[in-house]
Amino acid sequence: MLDFGLVAEIPPHDREAMVSACIHLSNKDWNALIDDFIALGFLPVDVDRGVVMPVMDRVLSPYLKGGGAAAYNFQVCLSLCVCVCGCGAVVFA
């Protein structure tokens, strides 16, 4: 039996933005990562980069050092969501 789970076709523009986001994440290029998130529709065009970039650094940098899911800090992740969208929950489009 083969189970492919959730299978979806991703448009080329979104695929390119996802690859770009992975590269920018690994380089800690937060400004470019915000551009990628805007291109993917995760953030609004008028997002306050001065507010978001320090939070991205605090939230995402620990995972670039390794350690896996055990190092995941849900409180810091929640602070990013509150900072970006003013809500207390992650919103998926």
N, C-alpha and C. Protein backbone atom coordinates (compact mmCIF):
# COMPACT_ATOMS: atom_id res chain seq x y z
N MET A 1 0.84 -1.17 0.00
CA MET A 1 0.00 0.00 0.00
C MET A 1 0.89 1.24 0.00
N LEU A 2 0.56 2.21 -0.83
CA LEU A 2 1.27 3.48 -0.89
C LEU A 2 0.35 4.57 -0.37
N ASP A 3 0.89 5.40 0.50
CA ASP A 3 0.13 6.51 1.04
C ASP A 3 0.92 7.78 0.80
N PHE A 4 0.43 8.60 -0.09
CA PHE A 4 1.14 9.83 -0.40
C PHE A 4 0.71 10.98 0.51
N GLY A 5 -0.22 10.73 1.40
CA GLY A 5 -0.66 11.79 2.31
C GLY A 5 -1.29 12.93 1.55
N LEU A 6 -1.05 14.12 2.03
CA LEU A 6 -1.58 15.31 1.37
C LEU A 6 -0.67 15.66 0.20
N VAL A 7 -1.21 15.61 -0.99
CA VAL A 7 -0.44 15.92 -2.19
C VAL A 7 -1.06 17.15 -2.83
N ALA A 8 -0.22 18.11 -3.14
CA ALA A 8 -0.70 19.34 -3.77
C ALA A 8 0.29 19.79 -4.83
N GLU A 9 -0.21 20.48 -5.82
CA GLU A 9 0.65 21.06 -6.83
C GLU A 9 0.98 22.49 -6.40
N ILE A 10 2.26 22.79 -6.36
CA ILE A 10 2.70 24.11 -5.94
C ILE A 10 3.10 24.89 -7.18
N PRO A 11 2.52 26.07 -7.37
CA PRO A 11 2.87 26.87 -8.56
C PRO A 11 4.37 27.20 -8.59
N PRO A 12 4.94 27.31 -9.78
CA PRO A 12 6.38 27.59 -9.91
C PRO A 12 6.85 28.81 -9.11
N HIS A 13 6.06 29.89 -9.12
CA HIS A 13 6.45 31.09 -8.37
C HIS A 13 6.60 30.79 -6.88
N ASP A 14 5.66 30.02 -6.34
CA ASP A 14 5.73 29.66 -4.92
C ASP A 14 6.89 28.72 -4.64
N ARG A 15 7.16 27.78 -5.54
CA ARG A 15 8.30 26.88 -5.37
C ARG A 15 9.60 27.68 -5.30
N GLU A 16 9.74 28.65 -6.21
CA GLU A 16 10.94 29.48 -6.23
C GLU A 16 11.07 30.28 -4.93
N ALA A 17 9.95 30.81 -4.45
CA ALA A 17 9.97 31.59 -3.21
C ALA A 17 10.31 30.69 -2.02
N MET A 18 9.86 29.45 -2.03
CA MET A 18 10.18 28.52 -0.94
C MET A 18 11.66 28.17 -0.92
N VAL A 19 12.22 27.92 -2.09
CA VAL A 19 13.65 27.62 -2.18
C VAL A 19 14.45 28.84 -1.74
N SER A 20 14.04 30.00 -2.21
CA SER A 20 14.70 31.25 -1.83
C SER A 20 14.63 31.46 -0.32
N ALA A 21 13.47 31.16 0.27
CA ALA A 21 13.30 31.31 1.71
C ALA A 21 14.25 30.39 2.47
N CYS A 22 14.43 29.18 1.99
CA CYS A 22 15.36 28.24 2.66
C CYS A 22 16.79 28.78 2.62
N ILE A 23 17.17 29.33 1.49
CA ILE A 23 18.52 29.90 1.36
C ILE A 23 18.67 31.10 2.27
N HIS A 24 17.69 31.99 2.26
CA HIS A 24 17.77 33.19 3.10
C HIS A 24 17.73 32.84 4.59
N LEU A 25 16.98 31.82 4.94
CA LEU A 25 16.95 31.37 6.32
C LEU A 25 18.31 30.85 6.75
N SER A 26 18.91 30.01 5.92
CA SER A 26 20.21 29.44 6.28
C SER A 26 21.30 30.50 6.38
N ASN A 27 21.14 31.60 5.64
CA ASN A 27 22.10 32.71 5.69
C ASN A 27 21.73 33.78 6.71
N LYS A 28 20.63 33.58 7.41
CA LYS A 28 20.11 34.56 8.38
C LYS A 28 19.90 35.93 7.73
N ASP A 29 19.44 35.90 6.49
CA ASP A 29 19.14 37.14 5.77
C ASP A 29 17.67 37.46 5.99
N TRP A 30 17.39 38.05 7.15
CA TRP A 30 16.00 38.26 7.58
C TRP A 30 15.24 39.18 6.64
N ASN A 31 15.89 40.21 6.14
CA ASN A 31 15.22 41.15 5.24
C ASN A 31 14.75 40.43 3.97
N ALA A 32 15.62 39.61 3.39
CA ALA A 32 15.24 38.86 2.19
C ALA A 32 14.21 37.79 2.52
N LEU A 33 14.29 37.21 3.73
CA LEU A 33 13.30 36.21 4.13
C LEU A 33 11.92 36.85 4.25
N ILE A 34 11.87 38.07 4.73
CA ILE A 34 10.59 38.78 4.78
C ILE A 34 10.04 38.97 3.37
N ASP A 35 10.91 39.31 2.42
CA ASP A 35 10.47 39.43 1.01
C ASP A 35 9.87 38.11 0.52
N ASP A 36 10.52 37.00 0.89
CA ASP A 36 10.01 35.68 0.49
C ASP A 36 8.65 35.42 1.12
N PHE A 37 8.51 35.75 2.40
CA PHE A 37 7.23 35.54 3.09
C PHE A 37 6.13 36.41 2.49
N ILE A 38 6.49 37.61 2.04
CA ILE A 38 5.52 38.48 1.37
C ILE A 38 5.12 37.85 0.04
N ALA A 39 6.10 37.36 -0.72
CA ALA A 39 5.81 36.72 -2.01
C ALA A 39 4.91 35.50 -1.85
N LEU A 40 5.06 34.79 -0.72
CA LEU A 40 4.24 33.60 -0.47
C LEU A 40 2.88 33.96 0.14
N GLY A 41 2.69 35.21 0.48
CA GLY A 41 1.42 35.64 1.07
C GLY A 41 1.33 35.41 2.57
N PHE A 42 2.47 35.11 3.22
CA PHE A 42 2.48 34.89 4.67
C PHE A 42 2.48 36.20 5.44
N LEU A 43 3.03 37.24 4.84
CA LEU A 43 3.09 38.55 5.49
C LEU A 43 2.53 39.60 4.54
N PRO A 44 1.96 40.68 5.09
CA PRO A 44 1.46 41.75 4.23
C PRO A 44 2.62 42.57 3.66
N VAL A 45 2.38 43.22 2.55
CA VAL A 45 3.40 44.02 1.89
C VAL A 45 3.91 45.14 2.80
N ASP A 46 3.04 45.69 3.61
CA ASP A 46 3.41 46.82 4.46
C ASP A 46 3.88 46.41 5.86
N VAL A 47 4.36 45.18 6.01
CA VAL A 47 4.82 44.68 7.31
C VAL A 47 5.94 45.59 7.83
N ASP A 48 5.96 45.81 9.12
CA ASP A 48 6.99 46.63 9.76
C ASP A 48 8.24 45.78 9.97
N ARG A 49 9.18 45.89 9.06
CA ARG A 49 10.40 45.07 9.08
C ARG A 49 11.22 45.32 10.34
N GLY A 50 11.22 46.55 10.82
CA GLY A 50 11.97 46.88 12.02
C GLY A 50 11.48 46.14 13.25
N VAL A 51 10.23 45.77 13.24
CA VAL A 51 9.65 45.01 14.35
C VAL A 51 9.85 43.51 14.13
N VAL A 52 9.67 43.07 12.89
CA VAL A 52 9.68 41.63 12.60
C VAL A 52 11.09 41.04 12.59
N MET A 53 12.06 41.75 12.04
CA MET A 53 13.40 41.16 11.89
C MET A 53 14.05 40.75 13.22
N PRO A 54 13.99 41.58 14.27
CA PRO A 54 14.60 41.12 15.53
C PRO A 54 13.90 39.89 16.11
N VAL A 55 12.59 39.81 15.91
CA VAL A 55 11.85 38.65 16.42
C VAL A 55 12.20 37.41 15.61
N MET A 56 12.32 37.56 14.29
CA MET A 56 12.73 36.43 13.45
C MET A 56 14.10 35.92 13.90
N ASP A 57 15.00 36.84 14.17
CA ASP A 57 16.34 36.45 14.61
C ASP A 57 16.26 35.67 15.91
N ARG A 58 15.47 36.16 16.86
CA ARG A 58 15.34 35.49 18.16
C ARG A 58 14.66 34.13 18.03
N VAL A 59 13.66 34.05 17.17
CA VAL A 59 12.88 32.81 17.03
C VAL A 59 13.61 31.77 16.19
N LEU A 60 14.20 32.18 15.08
CA LEU A 60 14.73 31.22 14.11
C LEU A 60 16.21 30.89 14.29
N SER A 61 17.00 31.79 14.82
CA SER A 61 18.44 31.55 14.95
C SER A 61 18.79 30.29 15.73
N PRO A 62 18.11 29.99 16.84
CA PRO A 62 18.48 28.78 17.58
C PRO A 62 18.38 27.49 16.76
N TYR A 63 17.50 27.45 15.78
CA TYR A 63 17.32 26.24 15.00
C TYR A 63 18.37 26.09 13.92
N LEU A 64 19.08 27.16 13.63
CA LEU A 64 20.15 27.09 12.64
C LEU A 64 21.42 26.54 13.26
N LYS A 65 21.44 26.44 14.57
CA LYS A 65 22.58 25.86 15.28
C LYS A 65 22.43 24.36 15.45
N GLY A 66 21.25 23.84 15.19
CA GLY A 66 20.98 22.41 15.39
C GLY A 66 20.21 22.19 16.68
N GLY A 67 20.05 20.95 17.06
CA GLY A 67 19.34 20.62 18.29
C GLY A 67 17.93 20.10 18.05
N GLY A 68 17.40 20.31 16.86
CA GLY A 68 16.09 19.77 16.50
C GLY A 68 14.93 20.32 17.30
N ALA A 69 13.86 19.56 17.33
CA ALA A 69 12.61 20.01 17.94
C ALA A 69 12.71 20.17 19.45
N ALA A 70 13.67 19.52 20.08
CA ALA A 70 13.80 19.63 21.53
C ALA A 70 14.09 21.06 21.96
N ALA A 71 14.69 21.84 21.08
CA ALA A 71 15.04 23.22 21.41
C ALA A 71 13.92 24.20 21.08
N TYR A 72 12.80 23.72 20.56
CA TYR A 72 11.72 24.60 20.11
C TYR A 72 11.09 25.34 21.27
N ASN A 73 10.99 26.65 21.17
CA ASN A 73 10.42 27.48 22.21
C ASN A 73 9.09 28.06 21.72
N PHE A 74 7.99 27.48 22.16
CA PHE A 74 6.67 27.91 21.69
C PHE A 74 6.33 29.33 22.11
N GLN A 75 6.80 29.77 23.26
CA GLN A 75 6.51 31.13 23.73
C GLN A 75 7.12 32.16 22.79
N VAL A 76 8.34 31.94 22.35
CA VAL A 76 8.99 32.88 21.43
C VAL A 76 8.27 32.88 20.09
N CYS A 77 7.87 31.70 19.64
CA CYS A 77 7.13 31.60 18.38
C CYS A 77 5.81 32.36 18.48
N LEU A 78 5.13 32.24 19.58
CA LEU A 78 3.88 32.96 19.79
C LEU A 78 4.12 34.46 19.78
N SER A 79 5.24 34.91 20.33
CA SER A 79 5.54 36.34 20.33
C SER A 79 5.71 36.86 18.92
N LEU A 80 6.25 36.04 18.00
CA LEU A 80 6.37 36.45 16.60
C LEU A 80 5.00 36.65 16.00
N CYS A 81 4.09 35.74 16.27
CA CYS A 81 2.74 35.84 15.72
C CYS A 81 2.03 37.07 16.26
N VAL A 82 2.15 37.32 17.55
CA VAL A 82 1.52 38.49 18.15
C VAL A 82 2.12 39.76 17.56
N CYS A 83 3.42 39.74 17.37
CA CYS A 83 4.13 40.89 16.83
C CYS A 83 3.69 41.19 15.40
N VAL A 84 3.57 40.15 14.57
CA VAL A 84 3.30 40.33 13.16
C VAL A 84 1.83 40.60 12.88
N CYS A 85 0.95 39.79 13.46
CA CYS A 85 -0.46 39.90 13.08
C CYS A 85 -1.36 40.38 14.21
N GLY A 86 -0.80 40.60 15.39
CA GLY A 86 -1.60 41.13 16.49
C GLY A 86 -2.56 40.14 17.09
N CYS A 87 -2.37 38.86 16.79
CA CYS A 87 -3.26 37.84 17.35
C CYS A 87 -2.45 36.87 18.20
N GLY A 88 -3.10 35.98 18.84
CA GLY A 88 -2.41 35.02 19.70
C GLY A 88 -2.36 33.63 19.12
N ALA A 89 -2.64 33.47 17.85
CA ALA A 89 -2.64 32.16 17.22
C ALA A 89 -1.99 32.24 15.86
N VAL A 90 -1.40 31.16 15.43
CA VAL A 90 -0.81 31.11 14.09
C VAL A 90 -1.94 30.96 13.09
N VAL A 91 -1.88 31.75 12.05
CA VAL A 91 -2.93 31.73 11.01
C VAL A 91 -2.34 31.14 9.74
N PHE A 92 -2.97 30.12 9.22
CA PHE A 92 -2.55 29.50 7.97
C PHE A 92 -3.51 29.89 6.87
N ALA A 93 -2.97 30.35 5.75
CA ALA A 93 -3.82 30.73 4.61
C ALA A 93 -4.04 29.52 3.71
